[in-house]
Amino acid sequence: MKAVRAVNLGVLFLVELGAVAAAAYWGVTLDVPAGLAWLLGLAAPAALIVLWGLFGSPKAPYRTRGAARTGFEVLWFGAGAVALAAAGAVGWAVAFALVCLATKTLAAAWRQ
């Protein structure tokens, strides 16, 4: 069981990276001038990274707990799924949301 928990922690890290990558993908796939697309492709993930650093990371200065933590994570990981859907990758958005739901459910059950 220890190995399964370790794998879940790895998947949690990968979905964090996935949310950031989804935001970047959304930005660069927008039908806007290339310079603006690249700017949004950098700004959207940067915004998610800053929010995670402030509220979500283990050493965050304003770390959320309890219901606030759940709400933050729903919005944060949801932003990744919404970004994928907005970029036209609806299937990937659904898959990403399901993986997030499964891994976060296991993490809560195992107090990770």
C-alpha atoms as a PDB file:
ATOM      1  CA  MET A   1       0.000   0.000   0.000  1.00  0.00           C
ATOM      2  CA  LYS A   2       2.957   2.316   0.643  1.00  0.00           C
ATOM      3  CA  ALA A   3       3.958   2.113  -3.024  1.00  0.00           C
ATOM      4  CA  VAL A   4       0.427   2.977  -4.187  1.00  0.00           C
ATOM      5  CA  ARG A   5       0.423   6.041  -1.952  1.00  0.00           C
ATOM      6  CA  ALA A   6       3.778   7.100  -3.363  1.00  0.00           C
ATOM      7  CA  VAL A   7       2.446   6.695  -6.902  1.00  0.00           C
ATOM      8  CA  ASN A   8      -0.554   8.848  -5.974  1.00  0.00           C
ATOM      9  CA  LEU A   9       1.784  11.598  -4.757  1.00  0.00           C
ATOM     10  CA  GLY A  10       3.565  11.429  -8.094  1.00  0.00           C
ATOM     11  CA  VAL A  11       0.281  11.685  -9.963  1.00  0.00           C
ATOM     12  CA  LEU A  12      -0.707  14.657  -7.790  1.00  0.00           C
ATOM     13  CA  PHE A  13       2.471  16.426  -8.853  1.00  0.00           C
ATOM     14  CA  LEU A  14       1.827  15.582 -12.501  1.00  0.00           C
ATOM     15  CA  VAL A  15      -1.713  16.992 -12.408  1.00  0.00           C
ATOM     16  CA  GLU A  16      -0.327  20.186 -10.860  1.00  0.00           C
ATOM     17  CA  LEU A  17       2.035  20.453 -13.818  1.00  0.00           C
ATOM     18  CA  GLY A  18      -0.833  19.503 -16.122  1.00  0.00           C
ATOM     19  CA  ALA A  19      -2.972  22.416 -14.934  1.00  0.00           C
ATOM     20  CA  VAL A  20      -0.113  24.822 -15.615  1.00  0.00           C
ATOM     21  CA  ALA A  21       0.531  23.269 -19.037  1.00  0.00           C
ATOM     22  CA  ALA A  22      -3.179  23.445 -19.888  1.00  0.00           C
ATOM     23  CA  ALA A  23      -3.224  27.164 -19.132  1.00  0.00           C
ATOM     24  CA  ALA A  24      -0.215  27.675 -21.409  1.00  0.00           C
ATOM     25  CA  TYR A  25      -1.822  25.595 -24.151  1.00  0.00           C
ATOM     26  CA  TRP A  26      -4.989  27.664 -23.930  1.00  0.00           C
ATOM     27  CA  GLY A  27      -3.030  30.879 -24.321  1.00  0.00           C
ATOM     28  CA  VAL A  28      -0.981  29.870 -27.322  1.00  0.00           C
ATOM     29  CA  THR A  29      -3.947  28.346 -29.171  1.00  0.00           C
ATOM     30  CA  LEU A  30      -6.110  31.473 -29.021  1.00  0.00           C
ATOM     31  CA  ASP A  31      -7.089  32.980 -32.358  1.00  0.00           C
ATOM     32  CA  VAL A  32      -5.358  36.298 -31.695  1.00  0.00           C
ATOM     33  CA  PRO A  33      -2.160  37.865 -33.035  1.00  0.00           C
ATOM     34  CA  ALA A  34       0.871  35.684 -32.324  1.00  0.00           C
ATOM     35  CA  GLY A  35       2.466  38.108 -29.873  1.00  0.00           C
ATOM     36  CA  LEU A  36      -0.682  38.277 -27.776  1.00  0.00           C
ATOM     37  CA  ALA A  37      -1.104  34.495 -27.889  1.00  0.00           C
ATOM     38  CA  TRP A  38       2.430  34.022 -26.601  1.00  0.00           C
ATOM     39  CA  LEU A  39       1.882  36.646 -23.911  1.00  0.00           C
ATOM     40  CA  LEU A  40      -1.277  34.887 -22.742  1.00  0.00           C
ATOM     41  CA  GLY A  41       0.487  31.539 -23.050  1.00  0.00           C
ATOM     42  CA  LEU A  42       3.024  32.795 -20.525  1.00  0.00           C
ATOM     43  CA  ALA A  43       0.743  34.906 -18.313  1.00  0.00           C
ATOM     44  CA  ALA A  44      -1.972  32.299 -17.689  1.00  0.00           C
ATOM     45  CA  PRO A  45       0.364  29.631 -16.267  1.00  0.00           C
ATOM     46  CA  ALA A  46       2.306  32.305 -14.391  1.00  0.00           C
ATOM     47  CA  ALA A  47      -0.921  33.370 -12.682  1.00  0.00           C
ATOM     48  CA  LEU A  48      -1.652  29.768 -11.673  1.00  0.00           C
ATOM     49  CA  ILE A  49       1.894  29.325 -10.370  1.00  0.00           C
ATOM     50  CA  VAL A  50       1.653  32.486  -8.263  1.00  0.00           C
ATOM     51  CA  LEU A  51      -1.708  31.404  -6.837  1.00  0.00           C
ATOM     52  CA  TRP A  52      -0.342  27.951  -6.014  1.00  0.00           C
ATOM     53  CA  GLY A  53       2.700  29.498  -4.358  1.00  0.00           C
ATOM     54  CA  LEU A  54       0.547  31.798  -2.235  1.00  0.00           C
ATOM     55  CA  PHE A  55      -2.284  29.449  -1.270  1.00  0.00           C
ATOM     56  CA  GLY A  56      -1.674  25.852  -2.352  1.00  0.00           C
ATOM     57  CA  SER A  57       1.907  24.783  -1.796  1.00  0.00           C
ATOM     58  CA  PRO A  58       2.986  23.103   1.441  1.00  0.00           C
ATOM     59  CA  LYS A  59       5.060  26.180   2.393  1.00  0.00           C
ATOM     60  CA  ALA A  60       2.567  28.791   1.149  1.00  0.00           C
ATOM     61  CA  PRO A  61       2.409  31.962   3.251  1.00  0.00           C
ATOM     62  CA  TYR A  62      -1.405  31.912   3.124  1.00  0.00           C
ATOM     63  CA  ARG A  63      -1.950  28.156   3.035  1.00  0.00           C
ATOM     64  CA  THR A  64      -5.614  27.229   2.915  1.00  0.00           C
ATOM     65  CA  ARG A  65      -7.126  24.485   5.064  1.00  0.00           C
ATOM     66  CA  GLY A  66     -10.394  22.596   5.278  1.00  0.00           C
ATOM     67  CA  ALA A  67     -13.238  23.800   3.077  1.00  0.00           C
ATOM     68  CA  ALA A  68     -11.210  26.772   1.837  1.00  0.00           C
ATOM     69  CA  ARG A  69      -8.515  24.362   0.637  1.00  0.00           C
ATOM     70  CA  THR A  70     -11.080  22.229  -1.155  1.00  0.00           C
ATOM     71  CA  GLY A  71     -12.581  25.291  -2.815  1.00  0.00           C
ATOM     72  CA  PHE A  72      -9.170  26.582  -3.847  1.00  0.00           C
ATOM     73  CA  GLU A  73      -8.188  23.240  -5.374  1.00  0.00           C
ATOM     74  CA  VAL A  74     -11.488  22.860  -7.205  1.00  0.00           C
ATOM     75  CA  LEU A  75     -10.998  26.294  -8.757  1.00  0.00           C
ATOM     76  CA  TRP A  76      -7.282  25.815  -9.420  1.00  0.00           C
ATOM     77  CA  PHE A  77      -7.476  22.365 -11.007  1.00  0.00           C
ATOM     78  CA  GLY A  78     -10.792  23.301 -12.599  1.00  0.00           C
ATOM     79  CA  ALA A  79      -8.999  26.153 -14.347  1.00  0.00           C
ATOM     80  CA  GLY A  80      -6.780  23.571 -16.028  1.00  0.00           C
ATOM     81  CA  ALA A  81      -9.775  21.566 -17.222  1.00  0.00           C
ATOM     82  CA  VAL A  82     -11.603  24.691 -18.382  1.00  0.00           C
ATOM     83  CA  ALA A  83      -8.488  25.880 -20.218  1.00  0.00           C
ATOM     84  CA  LEU A  84      -8.284  22.595 -22.113  1.00  0.00           C
ATOM     85  CA  ALA A  85     -11.982  22.730 -22.982  1.00  0.00           C
ATOM     86  CA  ALA A  86     -11.697  26.358 -24.099  1.00  0.00           C
ATOM     87  CA  ALA A  87      -8.780  25.406 -26.333  1.00  0.00           C
ATOM     88  CA  GLY A  88     -10.994  22.797 -28.010  1.00  0.00           C
ATOM     89  CA  ALA A  89      -9.535  19.725 -26.297  1.00  0.00           C
ATOM     90  CA  VAL A  90     -12.778  18.691 -24.608  1.00  0.00           C
ATOM     91  CA  GLY A  91     -11.860  15.009 -24.350  1.00  0.00           C
ATOM     92  CA  TRP A  92      -8.568  15.893 -22.671  1.00  0.00           C
ATOM     93  CA  ALA A  93     -10.398  18.298 -20.374  1.00  0.00           C
ATOM     94  CA  VAL A  94     -12.761  15.565 -19.203  1.00  0.00           C
ATOM     95  CA  ALA A  95      -9.892  13.101 -18.759  1.00  0.00           C
ATOM     96  CA  PHE A  96      -7.876  15.677 -16.825  1.00  0.00           C
ATOM     97  CA  ALA A  97     -10.830  16.472 -14.563  1.00  0.00           C
ATOM     98  CA  LEU A  98     -11.438  12.778 -13.858  1.00  0.00           C
ATOM     99  CA  VAL A  99      -7.785  12.121 -13.024  1.00  0.00           C
ATOM    100  CA  CYS A 100      -7.774  15.173 -10.730  1.00  0.00           C
ATOM    101  CA  LEU A 101     -10.918  13.979  -9.009  1.00  0.00           C
ATOM    102  CA  ALA A 102      -9.594  10.456  -8.511  1.00  0.00           C
ATOM    103  CA  THR A 103      -6.150  11.409  -7.259  1.00  0.00           C
ATOM    104  CA  LYS A 104      -7.428  14.189  -4.966  1.00  0.00           C
ATOM    105  CA  THR A 105     -10.043  11.815  -3.533  1.00  0.00           C
ATOM    106  CA  LEU A 106      -7.353   9.247  -2.763  1.00  0.00           C
ATOM    107  CA  ALA A 107      -5.110  11.949  -1.299  1.00  0.00           C
ATOM    108  CA  ALA A 108      -7.903  13.090   1.008  1.00  0.00           C
ATOM    109  CA  ALA A 109      -8.677   9.537   2.079  1.00  0.00           C
ATOM    110  CA  TRP A 110      -5.005   8.868   2.776  1.00  0.00           C
ATOM    111  CA  ARG A 111      -4.366  12.308   4.311  1.00  0.00           C
ATOM    112  CA  GLN A 112      -1.646  13.144   1.807  1.00  0.00           C
END
